[in-house]
Amino acid sequence: MTNKLKVNFDVTKIDWGKLGGYGLYFYLSNDIWKNYGNADAELSILLTDSREMCALNKKWRNKNIETNILAFPNFKEQFSNKLHYIGDIALGYEIVFQEAKARDVPLLNHAAHLVIHGVLHLVGYSHESVEDEFKMQKIETKVLKEVGIPNPYAY
């Protein structure tokens, strides 16, 4: 039996609701989890604005700038055999929108890529080295391909 991941959404920027990507984000999160989780689990995705992202980035990373995504892994409860909370992901609408426009890709595709990226951080991946970055990109492109989204690194 595949382990299930419950995904909670907190939408504080109404424009995210117009995008209607919740089902896709849920599916992608679970697609990652089925390969890395050994129990049922839960995570939260905050869909917010650039102002809140800047505040979160300042508070938790001491960087006073907007960012597209932040991931907050819950490493206190490493993957056990019971339902547990693996962490939080936050996405900032304006910067994600600007990046999608600059790359000439659909906003939904770019946001889906970032959700995958964030979940990979929650399960322990990083991109601190070129090798680690390559591993993450390989997984991201594979999962995106499964839902018909082109390779985001091919531009």
C-alpha atoms as a PDB file:
ATOM      1  CA  MET A   1       0.000   0.000   0.000  1.00  0.00           C
ATOM      2  CA  THR A   2       1.321   3.430  -0.969  1.00  0.00           C
ATOM      3  CA  ASN A   3       1.820   5.978   1.764  1.00  0.00           C
ATOM      4  CA  LYS A   4      -0.508   8.941   1.510  1.00  0.00           C
ATOM      5  CA  LEU A   5       0.388  12.571   2.011  1.00  0.00           C
ATOM      6  CA  LYS A   6      -2.293  14.947   3.255  1.00  0.00           C
ATOM      7  CA  VAL A   7      -1.769  18.410   1.767  1.00  0.00           C
ATOM      8  CA  ASN A   8      -3.266  21.437   3.509  1.00  0.00           C
ATOM      9  CA  PHE A   9      -3.646  24.697   1.585  1.00  0.00           C
ATOM     10  CA  ASP A  10      -3.654  28.154   3.127  1.00  0.00           C
ATOM     11  CA  VAL A  11      -4.445  30.767   0.472  1.00  0.00           C
ATOM     12  CA  THR A  12      -3.813  34.346   1.559  1.00  0.00           C
ATOM     13  CA  LYS A  13      -3.399  35.818  -1.950  1.00  0.00           C
ATOM     14  CA  ILE A  14      -6.652  35.479  -3.862  1.00  0.00           C
ATOM     15  CA  ASP A  15      -4.949  35.299  -7.271  1.00  0.00           C
ATOM     16  CA  TRP A  16      -3.698  31.805  -6.399  1.00  0.00           C
ATOM     17  CA  GLY A  17      -7.316  30.632  -6.197  1.00  0.00           C
ATOM     18  CA  LYS A  18      -7.924  31.767  -9.771  1.00  0.00           C
ATOM     19  CA  LEU A  19      -5.118  29.471 -10.918  1.00  0.00           C
ATOM     20  CA  GLY A  20      -6.936  26.363  -9.660  1.00  0.00           C
ATOM     21  CA  GLY A  21      -3.842  24.215  -9.235  1.00  0.00           C
ATOM     22  CA  TYR A  22      -4.729  22.555  -5.934  1.00  0.00           C
ATOM     23  CA  GLY A  23      -5.406  19.125  -7.399  1.00  0.00           C
ATOM     24  CA  LEU A  24      -2.175  19.213  -9.392  1.00  0.00           C
ATOM     25  CA  TYR A  25      -0.134  20.343  -6.378  1.00  0.00           C
ATOM     26  CA  PHE A  26      -1.725  17.588  -4.265  1.00  0.00           C
ATOM     27  CA  TYR A  27      -0.958  14.961  -6.904  1.00  0.00           C
ATOM     28  CA  LEU A  28       2.655  16.105  -7.365  1.00  0.00           C
ATOM     29  CA  SER A  29       3.287  16.208  -3.620  1.00  0.00           C
ATOM     30  CA  ASN A  30       1.963  12.668  -3.269  1.00  0.00           C
ATOM     31  CA  ASP A  31       3.992  11.512  -6.274  1.00  0.00           C
ATOM     32  CA  ILE A  32       7.176  12.608  -4.500  1.00  0.00           C
ATOM     33  CA  TRP A  33       6.049  11.184  -1.149  1.00  0.00           C
ATOM     34  CA  LYS A  34       5.295   7.710  -2.530  1.00  0.00           C
ATOM     35  CA  ASN A  35       8.993   7.356  -3.349  1.00  0.00           C
ATOM     36  CA  TYR A  36      10.452   8.815  -0.154  1.00  0.00           C
ATOM     37  CA  GLY A  37       7.954   8.397   2.645  1.00  0.00           C
ATOM     38  CA  ASN A  38       7.571   5.316   4.785  1.00  0.00           C
ATOM     39  CA  ALA A  39       4.340   6.365   6.502  1.00  0.00           C
ATOM     40  CA  ASP A  40       1.289   8.536   6.015  1.00  0.00           C
ATOM     41  CA  ALA A  41       2.158  12.186   6.497  1.00  0.00           C
ATOM     42  CA  GLU A  42       0.998  15.753   6.179  1.00  0.00           C
ATOM     43  CA  LEU A  43       2.342  19.072   4.870  1.00  0.00           C
ATOM     44  CA  SER A  44       1.018  22.585   4.357  1.00  0.00           C
ATOM     45  CA  ILE A  45       1.339  24.831   1.327  1.00  0.00           C
ATOM     46  CA  LEU A  46       0.936  28.576   1.895  1.00  0.00           C
ATOM     47  CA  LEU A  47      -0.030  30.427  -1.281  1.00  0.00           C
ATOM     48  CA  THR A  48       0.674  34.029  -0.425  1.00  0.00           C
ATOM     49  CA  ASP A  49       2.046  37.309  -1.749  1.00  0.00           C
ATOM     50  CA  SER A  50       5.534  38.761  -2.100  1.00  0.00           C
ATOM     51  CA  ARG A  51       5.189  40.945   0.977  1.00  0.00           C
ATOM     52  CA  GLU A  52       4.578  37.968   3.245  1.00  0.00           C
ATOM     53  CA  MET A  53       7.343  35.994   1.510  1.00  0.00           C
ATOM     54  CA  CYS A  54       9.770  38.841   2.211  1.00  0.00           C
ATOM     55  CA  ALA A  55       8.722  38.857   5.883  1.00  0.00           C
ATOM     56  CA  LEU A  56       9.138  35.067   6.160  1.00  0.00           C
ATOM     57  CA  ASN A  57      12.499  35.191   4.415  1.00  0.00           C
ATOM     58  CA  LYS A  58      13.655  37.938   6.793  1.00  0.00           C
ATOM     59  CA  LYS A  59      12.412  36.127   9.898  1.00  0.00           C
ATOM     60  CA  TRP A  60      13.700  32.627   9.111  1.00  0.00           C
ATOM     61  CA  ARG A  61      16.692  33.212   6.808  1.00  0.00           C
ATOM     62  CA  ASN A  62      17.675  36.778   7.757  1.00  0.00           C
ATOM     63  CA  LYS A  63      17.321  37.835   4.099  1.00  0.00           C
ATOM     64  CA  ASN A  64      15.247  40.965   3.541  1.00  0.00           C
ATOM     65  CA  ILE A  65      14.220  40.118  -0.036  1.00  0.00           C
ATOM     66  CA  GLU A  66      11.265  38.571  -1.804  1.00  0.00           C
ATOM     67  CA  THR A  67      11.625  34.982  -2.922  1.00  0.00           C
ATOM     68  CA  ASN A  68       9.540  32.596  -4.994  1.00  0.00           C
ATOM     69  CA  ILE A  69       9.467  29.665  -2.567  1.00  0.00           C
ATOM     70  CA  LEU A  70      10.455  28.773   0.957  1.00  0.00           C
ATOM     71  CA  ALA A  71      10.484  25.288   2.444  1.00  0.00           C
ATOM     72  CA  PHE A  72      10.467  24.603   6.170  1.00  0.00           C
ATOM     73  CA  PRO A  73      11.204  20.922   6.816  1.00  0.00           C
ATOM     74  CA  ASN A  74      10.122  19.427  10.119  1.00  0.00           C
ATOM     75  CA  PHE A  75      13.235  17.394  10.858  1.00  0.00           C
ATOM     76  CA  LYS A  76      12.196  16.997  14.508  1.00  0.00           C
ATOM     77  CA  GLU A  77       9.967  14.087  13.517  1.00  0.00           C
ATOM     78  CA  GLN A  78      12.035  12.102  11.062  1.00  0.00           C
ATOM     79  CA  PHE A  79       9.931   9.716   9.081  1.00  0.00           C
ATOM     80  CA  SER A  80       8.348   7.361  11.583  1.00  0.00           C
ATOM     81  CA  ASN A  81       5.693   4.695  11.237  1.00  0.00           C
ATOM     82  CA  LYS A  82       2.817   6.998  12.140  1.00  0.00           C
ATOM     83  CA  LEU A  83       1.192  10.033  10.572  1.00  0.00           C
ATOM     84  CA  HIS A  84       3.496  12.962  11.008  1.00  0.00           C
ATOM     85  CA  TYR A  85       3.974  16.502   9.833  1.00  0.00           C
ATOM     86  CA  ILE A  86       6.848  16.875   7.337  1.00  0.00           C
ATOM     87  CA  GLY A  87       6.820  20.658   7.024  1.00  0.00           C
ATOM     88  CA  ASP A  88       5.603  23.749   5.221  1.00  0.00           C
ATOM     89  CA  ILE A  89       6.066  25.265   1.783  1.00  0.00           C
ATOM     90  CA  ALA A  90       5.282  28.906   0.968  1.00  0.00           C
ATOM     91  CA  LEU A  91       4.972  30.403  -2.530  1.00  0.00           C
ATOM     92  CA  GLY A  92       4.831  34.118  -3.349  1.00  0.00           C
ATOM     93  CA  TYR A  93       2.439  34.935  -6.171  1.00  0.00           C
ATOM     94  CA  GLU A  94       3.994  38.046  -7.686  1.00  0.00           C
ATOM     95  CA  ILE A  95       7.516  36.693  -8.035  1.00  0.00           C
ATOM     96  CA  VAL A  96       6.301  33.301  -9.298  1.00  0.00           C
ATOM     97  CA  PHE A  97       4.114  35.138 -11.834  1.00  0.00           C
ATOM     98  CA  GLN A  98       7.041  37.334 -12.951  1.00  0.00           C
ATOM     99  CA  GLU A  99       9.345  34.320 -13.325  1.00  0.00           C
ATOM    100  CA  ALA A 100       6.772  32.413 -15.395  1.00  0.00           C
ATOM    101  CA  LYS A 101       6.255  35.423 -17.634  1.00  0.00           C
ATOM    102  CA  ALA A 102      10.015  35.968 -18.072  1.00  0.00           C
ATOM    103  CA  ARG A 103      10.474  32.274 -18.996  1.00  0.00           C
ATOM    104  CA  ASP A 104       7.378  32.291 -21.210  1.00  0.00           C
ATOM    105  CA  VAL A 105       5.851  29.294 -19.428  1.00  0.00           C
ATOM    106  CA  PRO A 106       2.344  28.901 -18.019  1.00  0.00           C
ATOM    107  CA  LEU A 107       2.056  30.063 -14.419  1.00  0.00           C
ATOM    108  CA  LEU A 108       0.504  26.739 -13.408  1.00  0.00           C
ATOM    109  CA  ASN A 109       3.528  24.857 -14.805  1.00  0.00           C
ATOM    110  CA  HIS A 110       6.022  27.053 -12.979  1.00  0.00           C
ATOM    111  CA  ALA A 111       4.106  26.822  -9.700  1.00  0.00           C
ATOM    112  CA  ALA A 112       3.893  23.028 -10.079  1.00  0.00           C
ATOM    113  CA  HIS A 113       7.664  22.882 -10.551  1.00  0.00           C
ATOM    114  CA  LEU A 114       8.191  24.939  -7.405  1.00  0.00           C
ATOM    115  CA  VAL A 115       5.857  22.701  -5.377  1.00  0.00           C
ATOM    116  CA  ILE A 116       7.901  19.656  -6.417  1.00  0.00           C
ATOM    117  CA  HIS A 117      11.092  21.531  -5.541  1.00  0.00           C
ATOM    118  CA  GLY A 118       9.703  22.426  -2.120  1.00  0.00           C
ATOM    119  CA  VAL A 119       8.540  18.892  -1.313  1.00  0.00           C
ATOM    120  CA  LEU A 120      11.988  17.579  -2.241  1.00  0.00           C
ATOM    121  CA  HIS A 121      13.449  19.977   0.326  1.00  0.00           C
ATOM    122  CA  LEU A 122      10.976  18.651   2.907  1.00  0.00           C
ATOM    123  CA  VAL A 123      12.162  15.081   2.341  1.00  0.00           C
ATOM    124  CA  GLY A 124      15.799  16.065   2.726  1.00  0.00           C
ATOM    125  CA  TYR A 125      17.113  17.151  -0.667  1.00  0.00           C
ATOM    126  CA  SER A 126      19.215  20.284  -1.080  1.00  0.00           C
ATOM    127  CA  HIS A 127      21.058  22.035  -3.874  1.00  0.00           C
ATOM    128  CA  GLU A 128      24.133  23.044  -1.917  1.00  0.00           C
ATOM    129  CA  SER A 129      26.453  21.300  -4.386  1.00  0.00           C
ATOM    130  CA  VAL A 130      26.309  20.901  -8.160  1.00  0.00           C
ATOM    131  CA  GLU A 131      25.781  17.160  -7.682  1.00  0.00           C
ATOM    132  CA  ASP A 132      22.868  17.708  -5.272  1.00  0.00           C
ATOM    133  CA  GLU A 133      21.343  20.300  -7.600  1.00  0.00           C
ATOM    134  CA  PHE A 134      21.562  17.849 -10.523  1.00  0.00           C
ATOM    135  CA  LYS A 135      19.827  15.131  -8.460  1.00  0.00           C
ATOM    136  CA  MET A 136      16.970  17.482  -7.611  1.00  0.00           C
ATOM    137  CA  GLN A 137      16.605  18.672 -11.202  1.00  0.00           C
ATOM    138  CA  LYS A 138      16.501  15.092 -12.481  1.00  0.00           C
ATOM    139  CA  ILE A 139      13.666  14.190 -10.101  1.00  0.00           C
ATOM    140  CA  GLU A 140      11.805  17.437 -10.820  1.00  0.00           C
ATOM    141  CA  THR A 141      11.892  16.945 -14.604  1.00  0.00           C
ATOM    142  CA  LYS A 142      10.825  13.286 -14.274  1.00  0.00           C
ATOM    143  CA  VAL A 143       7.813  14.110 -12.097  1.00  0.00           C
ATOM    144  CA  LEU A 144       6.795  17.068 -14.285  1.00  0.00           C
ATOM    145  CA  LYS A 145       7.020  14.902 -17.406  1.00  0.00           C
ATOM    146  CA  GLU A 146       4.564  12.437 -15.825  1.00  0.00           C
ATOM    147  CA  VAL A 147       1.909  15.185 -15.836  1.00  0.00           C
ATOM    148  CA  GLY A 148       2.832  16.594 -19.243  1.00  0.00           C
ATOM    149  CA  ILE A 149       4.805  19.630 -18.088  1.00  0.00           C
ATOM    150  CA  PRO A 150       7.967  20.285 -20.126  1.00  0.00           C
ATOM    151  CA  ASN A 151      11.458  20.344 -18.614  1.00  0.00           C
ATOM    152  CA  PRO A 152      11.814  23.718 -16.843  1.00  0.00           C
ATOM    153  CA  TYR A 153      15.596  23.627 -17.265  1.00  0.00           C
ATOM    154  CA  ALA A 154      15.480  23.366 -21.063  1.00  0.00           C
ATOM    155  CA  TYR A 155      15.178  27.116 -21.672  1.00  0.00           C
END
